[in-house]
Amino acid sequence: MGNPEAGRRAVIGEPLDRALGELQATAANFAAICIKDARVRAQYAHDIQAVSREFTNAVLSDRLSAKAAAEQVNALRNQIMDLARLQSSPLGRAYAAKLKQRGLSLGELAEKYASRLYQRPFSALSESQQAGVYAEIVAAGGRADPSVMALSRTLGVVGRRLFLVSLAVAVYEIHEAEDKPREVARQGVLAGAGLVGGLAGGLGAVATGACAATAPVCVTLATLVGGMLLAFGADVAFGTVYPQGWR
């Protein structure tokens, strides 16, 4: 007769292993997303501050007019923003696009700050007032949205915690496994599948029109589902190629 206890462990153990595997892959996926997007946003803030300082100094030293500096700062900030979005995850890109679909033109910024500073259209301002508006555009070019930066820092913390969750699950699974080298390999496959599946799910949802480029909730769900599905498939494939007890 077979061992009933071993049979019960087999029946319970496989679904549990699969569930833990999906949890590990999902945690690894979102840890990578959060940490990466937080770093991209921090670099973006650093770069626009450097640009603003450089052109402010150029205006103060009379090397550039306020208008010329404003034109260049705005163009550079928009370029930095576009580059940062390319480096972000699909989720980070969708959230950024929801906040601001595109960078404002110099004319749009001039009207915005003329209204804010003088409560009049830009064309109605004196030459010195227009210069003041351009100077404000240069200064504002180095200011990142405080609420977005706070969210970015929070995401960095969340990402590190999710990484610890992913690591804890992997360590537990390896500790409990009879064949530890096989389980180490399996955990590596799951983590990689979660990352690739999440990226493919997010990008694919936007590319196919399933999610709008400005719909972070939809992209998040697509990223989750993509990561979980590929992790599940990878786990099944791994179990088929390298079954328990394989040598």
C-alpha atoms as a PDB file:
ATOM      1  CA  MET A   1       0.000   0.000   0.000  1.00  0.00           C
ATOM      2  CA  GLY A   2       1.095   3.529  -0.716  1.00  0.00           C
ATOM      3  CA  ASN A   3       1.712   6.090   1.930  1.00  0.00           C
ATOM      4  CA  PRO A   4      -1.582   8.044   2.444  1.00  0.00           C
ATOM      5  CA  GLU A   5       0.242  10.945   4.075  1.00  0.00           C
ATOM      6  CA  ALA A   6       2.586  11.291   1.111  1.00  0.00           C
ATOM      7  CA  GLY A   7      -0.435  11.210  -1.193  1.00  0.00           C
ATOM      8  CA  ARG A   8      -2.156  13.974   0.729  1.00  0.00           C
ATOM      9  CA  ARG A   9       1.035  16.040   0.608  1.00  0.00           C
ATOM     10  CA  ALA A  10       1.200  15.563  -3.150  1.00  0.00           C
ATOM     11  CA  VAL A  11      -2.441  16.618  -3.651  1.00  0.00           C
ATOM     12  CA  ILE A  12      -2.117  19.672  -1.421  1.00  0.00           C
ATOM     13  CA  GLY A  13       1.487  20.485  -2.226  1.00  0.00           C
ATOM     14  CA  GLU A  14       1.262  21.019  -5.977  1.00  0.00           C
ATOM     15  CA  PRO A  15      -1.551  23.633  -5.928  1.00  0.00           C
ATOM     16  CA  LEU A  16       0.143  25.329  -2.984  1.00  0.00           C
ATOM     17  CA  ASP A  17       3.459  25.404  -4.820  1.00  0.00           C
ATOM     18  CA  ARG A  18       1.759  26.873  -7.879  1.00  0.00           C
ATOM     19  CA  ALA A  19       0.001  29.529  -5.792  1.00  0.00           C
ATOM     20  CA  LEU A  20       3.222  30.442  -4.015  1.00  0.00           C
ATOM     21  CA  GLY A  21       4.997  30.518  -7.356  1.00  0.00           C
ATOM     22  CA  GLU A  22       2.486  32.990  -8.780  1.00  0.00           C
ATOM     23  CA  LEU A  23       2.775  35.108  -5.630  1.00  0.00           C
ATOM     24  CA  GLN A  24       6.554  35.103  -5.914  1.00  0.00           C
ATOM     25  CA  ALA A  25       6.440  36.032  -9.604  1.00  0.00           C
ATOM     26  CA  THR A  26       3.873  38.793  -9.031  1.00  0.00           C
ATOM     27  CA  ALA A  27       5.836  40.265  -6.138  1.00  0.00           C
ATOM     28  CA  ALA A  28       9.061  40.183  -8.164  1.00  0.00           C
ATOM     29  CA  ASN A  29       7.281  41.784 -11.113  1.00  0.00           C
ATOM     30  CA  PHE A  30       5.858  44.691  -9.142  1.00  0.00           C
ATOM     31  CA  ALA A  31       9.019  45.132  -7.105  1.00  0.00           C
ATOM     32  CA  ALA A  32      10.957  45.631 -10.325  1.00  0.00           C
ATOM     33  CA  ILE A  33       8.325  48.034 -11.688  1.00  0.00           C
ATOM     34  CA  CYS A  34       8.162  50.150  -8.531  1.00  0.00           C
ATOM     35  CA  ILE A  35      11.920  50.350  -8.035  1.00  0.00           C
ATOM     36  CA  LYS A  36      12.603  51.119 -11.702  1.00  0.00           C
ATOM     37  CA  ASP A  37       9.917  53.801 -12.005  1.00  0.00           C
ATOM     38  CA  ALA A  38      11.049  55.460  -8.769  1.00  0.00           C
ATOM     39  CA  ARG A  39      14.626  55.634 -10.087  1.00  0.00           C
ATOM     40  CA  VAL A  40      13.491  56.993 -13.453  1.00  0.00           C
ATOM     41  CA  ARG A  41      11.437  59.711 -11.765  1.00  0.00           C
ATOM     42  CA  ALA A  42      14.310  60.657  -9.450  1.00  0.00           C
ATOM     43  CA  GLN A  43      16.651  60.941 -12.436  1.00  0.00           C
ATOM     44  CA  TYR A  44      14.065  63.047 -14.274  1.00  0.00           C
ATOM     45  CA  ALA A  45      13.837  65.463 -11.331  1.00  0.00           C
ATOM     46  CA  HIS A  46      17.635  65.682 -11.107  1.00  0.00           C
ATOM     47  CA  ASP A  47      18.005  66.364 -14.847  1.00  0.00           C
ATOM     48  CA  ILE A  48      15.385  69.124 -15.083  1.00  0.00           C
ATOM     49  CA  GLN A  49      16.825  70.836 -11.989  1.00  0.00           C
ATOM     50  CA  ALA A  50      20.278  70.823 -13.595  1.00  0.00           C
ATOM     51  CA  VAL A  51      18.884  72.307 -16.818  1.00  0.00           C
ATOM     52  CA  SER A  52      17.004  75.027 -14.934  1.00  0.00           C
ATOM     53  CA  ARG A  53      20.077  75.992 -12.882  1.00  0.00           C
ATOM     54  CA  GLU A  54      22.285  76.168 -15.966  1.00  0.00           C
ATOM     55  CA  PHE A  55      19.956  78.469 -17.898  1.00  0.00           C
ATOM     56  CA  THR A  56      19.116  80.604 -14.874  1.00  0.00           C
ATOM     57  CA  ASN A  57      22.836  81.296 -14.513  1.00  0.00           C
ATOM     58  CA  ALA A  58      23.041  82.068 -18.236  1.00  0.00           C
ATOM     59  CA  VAL A  59      20.275  84.679 -17.890  1.00  0.00           C
ATOM     60  CA  LEU A  60      21.794  86.219 -14.751  1.00  0.00           C
ATOM     61  CA  SER A  61      25.179  86.532 -16.444  1.00  0.00           C
ATOM     62  CA  ASP A  62      23.583  88.083 -19.576  1.00  0.00           C
ATOM     63  CA  ARG A  63      24.744  85.230 -21.799  1.00  0.00           C
ATOM     64  CA  LEU A  64      21.129  84.562 -22.840  1.00  0.00           C
ATOM     65  CA  SER A  65      17.919  86.544 -22.895  1.00  0.00           C
ATOM     66  CA  ALA A  66      15.093  85.327 -20.679  1.00  0.00           C
ATOM     67  CA  LYS A  67      13.068  84.403 -23.767  1.00  0.00           C
ATOM     68  CA  ALA A  68      15.889  82.389 -25.366  1.00  0.00           C
ATOM     69  CA  ALA A  69      16.537  80.603 -22.069  1.00  0.00           C
ATOM     70  CA  ALA A  70      12.824  79.816 -21.662  1.00  0.00           C
ATOM     71  CA  GLU A  71      12.678  78.377 -25.190  1.00  0.00           C
ATOM     72  CA  GLN A  72      15.641  76.083 -24.584  1.00  0.00           C
ATOM     73  CA  VAL A  73      14.599  75.032 -21.080  1.00  0.00           C
ATOM     74  CA  ASN A  74      11.117  74.112 -22.281  1.00  0.00           C
ATOM     75  CA  ALA A  75      12.450  72.131 -25.239  1.00  0.00           C
ATOM     76  CA  LEU A  76      14.963  70.277 -23.056  1.00  0.00           C
ATOM     77  CA  ARG A  77      12.413  69.544 -20.341  1.00  0.00           C
ATOM     78  CA  ASN A  78      10.015  68.044 -22.890  1.00  0.00           C
ATOM     79  CA  GLN A  79      12.837  65.926 -24.330  1.00  0.00           C
ATOM     80  CA  ILE A  80      13.833  64.718 -20.844  1.00  0.00           C
ATOM     81  CA  MET A  81      10.187  63.901 -20.091  1.00  0.00           C
ATOM     82  CA  ASP A  82       9.838  61.870 -23.293  1.00  0.00           C
ATOM     83  CA  LEU A  83      13.072  59.988 -22.567  1.00  0.00           C
ATOM     84  CA  ALA A  84      11.975  59.256 -18.992  1.00  0.00           C
ATOM     85  CA  ARG A  85       8.697  57.830 -20.269  1.00  0.00           C
ATOM     86  CA  LEU A  86      10.555  55.557 -22.672  1.00  0.00           C
ATOM     87  CA  GLN A  87      12.579  54.245 -19.733  1.00  0.00           C
ATOM     88  CA  SER A  88       9.528  53.747 -17.512  1.00  0.00           C
ATOM     89  CA  SER A  89       7.420  50.604 -17.206  1.00  0.00           C
ATOM     90  CA  PRO A  90       4.088  50.475 -19.090  1.00  0.00           C
ATOM     91  CA  LEU A  91       2.367  51.243 -15.787  1.00  0.00           C
ATOM     92  CA  GLY A  92       4.591  54.247 -15.075  1.00  0.00           C
ATOM     93  CA  ARG A  93       4.103  55.499 -18.626  1.00  0.00           C
ATOM     94  CA  ALA A  94       0.304  55.221 -18.375  1.00  0.00           C
ATOM     95  CA  TYR A  95       0.248  57.104 -15.067  1.00  0.00           C
ATOM     96  CA  ALA A  96       2.493  59.858 -16.459  1.00  0.00           C
ATOM     97  CA  ALA A  97       0.350  60.165 -19.603  1.00  0.00           C
ATOM     98  CA  LYS A  98      -2.793  60.460 -17.478  1.00  0.00           C
ATOM     99  CA  LEU A  99      -1.242  63.377 -15.594  1.00  0.00           C
ATOM    100  CA  LYS A 100       0.140  65.070 -18.717  1.00  0.00           C
ATOM    101  CA  GLN A 101      -0.282  63.684 -22.214  1.00  0.00           C
ATOM    102  CA  ARG A 102       2.330  66.015 -23.707  1.00  0.00           C
ATOM    103  CA  GLY A 103       4.675  68.803 -22.757  1.00  0.00           C
ATOM    104  CA  LEU A 104       3.297  72.331 -23.085  1.00  0.00           C
ATOM    105  CA  SER A 105       4.560  74.664 -25.794  1.00  0.00           C
ATOM    106  CA  LEU A 106       6.347  77.900 -24.891  1.00  0.00           C
ATOM    107  CA  GLY A 107       3.254  79.883 -25.906  1.00  0.00           C
ATOM    108  CA  GLU A 108       1.019  77.804 -23.640  1.00  0.00           C
ATOM    109  CA  LEU A 109       3.427  78.255 -20.752  1.00  0.00           C
ATOM    110  CA  ALA A 110       3.660  82.002 -21.375  1.00  0.00           C
ATOM    111  CA  GLU A 111      -0.119  82.336 -21.127  1.00  0.00           C
ATOM    112  CA  LYS A 112      -0.208  80.097 -18.036  1.00  0.00           C
ATOM    113  CA  TYR A 113       2.359  82.129 -16.086  1.00  0.00           C
ATOM    114  CA  ALA A 114       1.122  85.508 -17.358  1.00  0.00           C
ATOM    115  CA  SER A 115      -2.278  84.658 -15.906  1.00  0.00           C
ATOM    116  CA  ARG A 116      -0.744  83.376 -12.682  1.00  0.00           C
ATOM    117  CA  LEU A 117       1.635  86.299 -12.136  1.00  0.00           C
ATOM    118  CA  TYR A 118      -0.280  89.239 -13.608  1.00  0.00           C
ATOM    119  CA  GLN A 119      -3.846  87.990 -14.217  1.00  0.00           C
ATOM    120  CA  ARG A 120      -3.609  89.195 -17.825  1.00  0.00           C
ATOM    121  CA  PRO A 121      -2.900  87.659 -21.238  1.00  0.00           C
ATOM    122  CA  PHE A 122       0.753  87.509 -22.191  1.00  0.00           C
ATOM    123  CA  SER A 123       0.256  89.890 -25.140  1.00  0.00           C
ATOM    124  CA  ALA A 124      -1.103  92.575 -22.770  1.00  0.00           C
ATOM    125  CA  LEU A 125       2.059  92.598 -20.624  1.00  0.00           C
ATOM    126  CA  SER A 126       4.858  95.117 -20.802  1.00  0.00           C
ATOM    127  CA  GLU A 127       8.266  94.063 -22.075  1.00  0.00           C
ATOM    128  CA  SER A 128       9.670  93.792 -18.550  1.00  0.00           C
ATOM    129  CA  GLN A 129       6.663  91.767 -17.405  1.00  0.00           C
ATOM    130  CA  GLN A 130       7.063  89.397 -20.345  1.00  0.00           C
ATOM    131  CA  ALA A 131      10.710  88.969 -19.390  1.00  0.00           C
ATOM    132  CA  GLY A 132       9.533  88.134 -15.872  1.00  0.00           C
ATOM    133  CA  VAL A 133       7.198  85.474 -17.278  1.00  0.00           C
ATOM    134  CA  TYR A 134      10.057  83.947 -19.272  1.00  0.00           C
ATOM    135  CA  ALA A 135      12.253  83.966 -16.162  1.00  0.00           C
ATOM    136  CA  GLU A 136       9.520  82.142 -14.255  1.00  0.00           C
ATOM    137  CA  ILE A 137       9.300  79.543 -17.033  1.00  0.00           C
ATOM    138  CA  VAL A 138      13.039  78.935 -16.688  1.00  0.00           C
ATOM    139  CA  ALA A 139      12.727  78.548 -12.905  1.00  0.00           C
ATOM    140  CA  ALA A 140       9.621  76.358 -13.151  1.00  0.00           C
ATOM    141  CA  GLY A 141      11.407  74.116 -15.643  1.00  0.00           C
ATOM    142  CA  GLY A 142      13.385  72.686 -12.745  1.00  0.00           C
ATOM    143  CA  ARG A 143      10.411  72.021 -10.476  1.00  0.00           C
ATOM    144  CA  ALA A 144       8.965  68.528 -10.447  1.00  0.00           C
ATOM    145  CA  ASP A 145       5.409  67.956  -9.226  1.00  0.00           C
ATOM    146  CA  PRO A 146       5.740  67.490  -5.419  1.00  0.00           C
ATOM    147  CA  SER A 147       2.828  65.034  -5.232  1.00  0.00           C
ATOM    148  CA  VAL A 148       4.304  62.908  -8.021  1.00  0.00           C
ATOM    149  CA  MET A 149       7.729  62.923  -6.383  1.00  0.00           C
ATOM    150  CA  ALA A 150       6.171  61.870  -3.061  1.00  0.00           C
ATOM    151  CA  LEU A 151       4.370  59.025  -4.838  1.00  0.00           C
ATOM    152  CA  SER A 152       7.626  58.055  -6.534  1.00  0.00           C
ATOM    153  CA  ARG A 153       9.428  57.803  -3.197  1.00  0.00           C
ATOM    154  CA  THR A 154       6.559  55.718  -1.821  1.00  0.00           C
ATOM    155  CA  LEU A 155       6.782  53.404  -4.824  1.00  0.00           C
ATOM    156  CA  GLY A 156      10.475  52.939  -4.176  1.00  0.00           C
ATOM    157  CA  VAL A 157       9.729  51.837  -0.597  1.00  0.00           C
ATOM    158  CA  VAL A 158       6.892  49.569  -1.767  1.00  0.00           C
ATOM    159  CA  GLY A 159       9.155  48.061  -4.397  1.00  0.00           C
ATOM    160  CA  ARG A 160      11.830  47.180  -1.869  1.00  0.00           C
ATOM    161  CA  ARG A 161       9.216  45.588   0.400  1.00  0.00           C
ATOM    162  CA  LEU A 162       7.755  43.578  -2.465  1.00  0.00           C
ATOM    163  CA  PHE A 163      11.240  42.401  -3.322  1.00  0.00           C
ATOM    164  CA  LEU A 164      11.603  41.138   0.252  1.00  0.00           C
ATOM    165  CA  VAL A 165       8.246  39.336  -0.057  1.00  0.00           C
ATOM    166  CA  SER A 166       9.404  37.723  -3.291  1.00  0.00           C
ATOM    167  CA  LEU A 167      12.695  36.735  -1.688  1.00  0.00           C
ATOM    168  CA  ALA A 168      10.959  35.335   1.405  1.00  0.00           C
ATOM    169  CA  VAL A 169       8.651  33.167  -0.693  1.00  0.00           C
ATOM    170  CA  ALA A 170      11.570  31.891  -2.763  1.00  0.00           C
ATOM    171  CA  VAL A 171      13.621  31.090   0.347  1.00  0.00           C
ATOM    172  CA  TYR A 172      10.667  29.277   1.924  1.00  0.00           C
ATOM    173  CA  GLU A 173      10.070  27.205  -1.202  1.00  0.00           C
ATOM    174  CA  ILE A 174      13.750  26.302  -1.470  1.00  0.00           C
ATOM    175  CA  HIS A 175      13.908  25.404   2.224  1.00  0.00           C
ATOM    176  CA  GLU A 176      10.858  23.130   1.946  1.00  0.00           C
ATOM    177  CA  ALA A 177      11.937  21.458  -1.285  1.00  0.00           C
ATOM    178  CA  GLU A 178      13.496  18.008  -1.231  1.00  0.00           C
ATOM    179  CA  ASP A 179      15.452  18.760  -4.402  1.00  0.00           C
ATOM    180  CA  LYS A 180      16.945  22.163  -3.538  1.00  0.00           C
ATOM    181  CA  PRO A 181      19.043  22.722  -6.704  1.00  0.00           C
ATOM    182  CA  ARG A 182      15.936  22.079  -8.821  1.00  0.00           C
ATOM    183  CA  GLU A 183      13.899  24.517  -6.701  1.00  0.00           C
ATOM    184  CA  VAL A 184      16.568  27.215  -7.022  1.00  0.00           C
ATOM    185  CA  ALA A 185      16.316  26.885 -10.804  1.00  0.00           C
ATOM    186  CA  ARG A 186      12.506  26.921 -10.639  1.00  0.00           C
ATOM    187  CA  GLN A 187      12.476  30.113  -8.587  1.00  0.00           C
ATOM    188  CA  GLY A 188      14.722  31.792 -11.124  1.00  0.00           C
ATOM    189  CA  VAL A 189      12.377  30.756 -13.928  1.00  0.00           C
ATOM    190  CA  LEU A 190       9.335  32.058 -12.031  1.00  0.00           C
ATOM    191  CA  ALA A 191      10.908  35.442 -11.290  1.00  0.00           C
ATOM    192  CA  GLY A 192      12.000  35.869 -14.898  1.00  0.00           C
ATOM    193  CA  ALA A 193       8.615  34.794 -16.245  1.00  0.00           C
ATOM    194  CA  GLY A 194       6.822  37.225 -13.944  1.00  0.00           C
ATOM    195  CA  LEU A 195       8.932  40.130 -15.175  1.00  0.00           C
ATOM    196  CA  VAL A 196       8.682  39.250 -18.867  1.00  0.00           C
ATOM    197  CA  GLY A 197       4.976  38.419 -18.671  1.00  0.00           C
ATOM    198  CA  GLY A 198       4.165  41.632 -16.821  1.00  0.00           C
ATOM    199  CA  LEU A 199       6.047  43.742 -19.350  1.00  0.00           C
ATOM    200  CA  ALA A 200       4.454  41.938 -22.280  1.00  0.00           C
ATOM    201  CA  GLY A 201       0.996  42.205 -20.719  1.00  0.00           C
ATOM    202  CA  GLY A 202       1.273  45.946 -20.119  1.00  0.00           C
ATOM    203  CA  LEU A 203       2.779  46.755 -23.511  1.00  0.00           C
ATOM    204  CA  GLY A 204       0.437  44.418 -25.344  1.00  0.00           C
ATOM    205  CA  ALA A 205      -2.670  45.868 -23.710  1.00  0.00           C
ATOM    206  CA  VAL A 206      -1.752  49.361 -24.893  1.00  0.00           C
ATOM    207  CA  ALA A 207      -0.539  48.250 -28.341  1.00  0.00           C
ATOM    208  CA  THR A 208      -3.730  46.297 -29.086  1.00  0.00           C
ATOM    209  CA  GLY A 209      -6.015  48.999 -27.751  1.00  0.00           C
ATOM    210  CA  ALA A 210      -7.276  46.851 -24.878  1.00  0.00           C
ATOM    211  CA  CYS A 211      -6.105  49.635 -22.551  1.00  0.00           C
ATOM    212  CA  ALA A 212      -5.766  53.330 -23.325  1.00  0.00           C
ATOM    213  CA  ALA A 213      -2.256  54.731 -22.947  1.00  0.00           C
ATOM    214  CA  THR A 214      -3.645  56.990 -20.209  1.00  0.00           C
ATOM    215  CA  ALA A 215      -5.412  54.229 -18.216  1.00  0.00           C
ATOM    216  CA  PRO A 216      -3.054  53.149 -15.404  1.00  0.00           C
ATOM    217  CA  VAL A 217      -5.635  50.908 -13.692  1.00  0.00           C
ATOM    218  CA  CYS A 218      -6.242  48.919 -16.878  1.00  0.00           C
ATOM    219  CA  VAL A 219      -2.508  48.675 -17.576  1.00  0.00           C
ATOM    220  CA  THR A 220      -1.921  47.518 -13.991  1.00  0.00           C
ATOM    221  CA  LEU A 221      -4.443  44.704 -14.398  1.00  0.00           C
ATOM    222  CA  ALA A 222      -2.916  43.705 -17.729  1.00  0.00           C
ATOM    223  CA  THR A 223       0.538  43.686 -16.144  1.00  0.00           C
ATOM    224  CA  LEU A 224      -0.682  41.533 -13.258  1.00  0.00           C
ATOM    225  CA  VAL A 225      -2.485  39.063 -15.490  1.00  0.00           C
ATOM    226  CA  GLY A 226       0.396  38.867 -17.954  1.00  0.00           C
ATOM    227  CA  GLY A 227       2.911  38.164 -15.214  1.00  0.00           C
ATOM    228  CA  MET A 228       0.736  35.548 -13.513  1.00  0.00           C
ATOM    229  CA  LEU A 229      -0.165  33.746 -16.736  1.00  0.00           C
ATOM    230  CA  LEU A 230       3.415  33.497 -17.956  1.00  0.00           C
ATOM    231  CA  ALA A 231       4.614  32.457 -14.493  1.00  0.00           C
ATOM    232  CA  PHE A 232       1.951  29.739 -14.382  1.00  0.00           C
ATOM    233  CA  GLY A 233       2.871  28.530 -17.869  1.00  0.00           C
ATOM    234  CA  ALA A 234       6.567  28.613 -17.071  1.00  0.00           C
ATOM    235  CA  ASP A 235       5.977  26.630 -13.879  1.00  0.00           C
ATOM    236  CA  VAL A 236       4.010  23.966 -15.760  1.00  0.00           C
ATOM    237  CA  ALA A 237       6.663  23.798 -18.473  1.00  0.00           C
ATOM    238  CA  PHE A 238       9.442  23.589 -15.905  1.00  0.00           C
ATOM    239  CA  GLY A 239       7.658  20.736 -14.127  1.00  0.00           C
ATOM    240  CA  THR A 240       7.287  18.898 -17.425  1.00  0.00           C
ATOM    241  CA  VAL A 241      10.921  19.297 -18.481  1.00  0.00           C
ATOM    242  CA  TYR A 242      12.362  18.789 -15.005  1.00  0.00           C
ATOM    243  CA  PRO A 243       9.884  16.672 -13.000  1.00  0.00           C
ATOM    244  CA  GLN A 244      10.359  15.978  -9.320  1.00  0.00           C
ATOM    245  CA  GLY A 245      13.077  13.395  -8.800  1.00  0.00           C
ATOM    246  CA  TRP A 246      14.647  14.163 -12.191  1.00  0.00           C
ATOM    247  CA  ARG A 247      18.388  13.606 -12.476  1.00  0.00           C
END
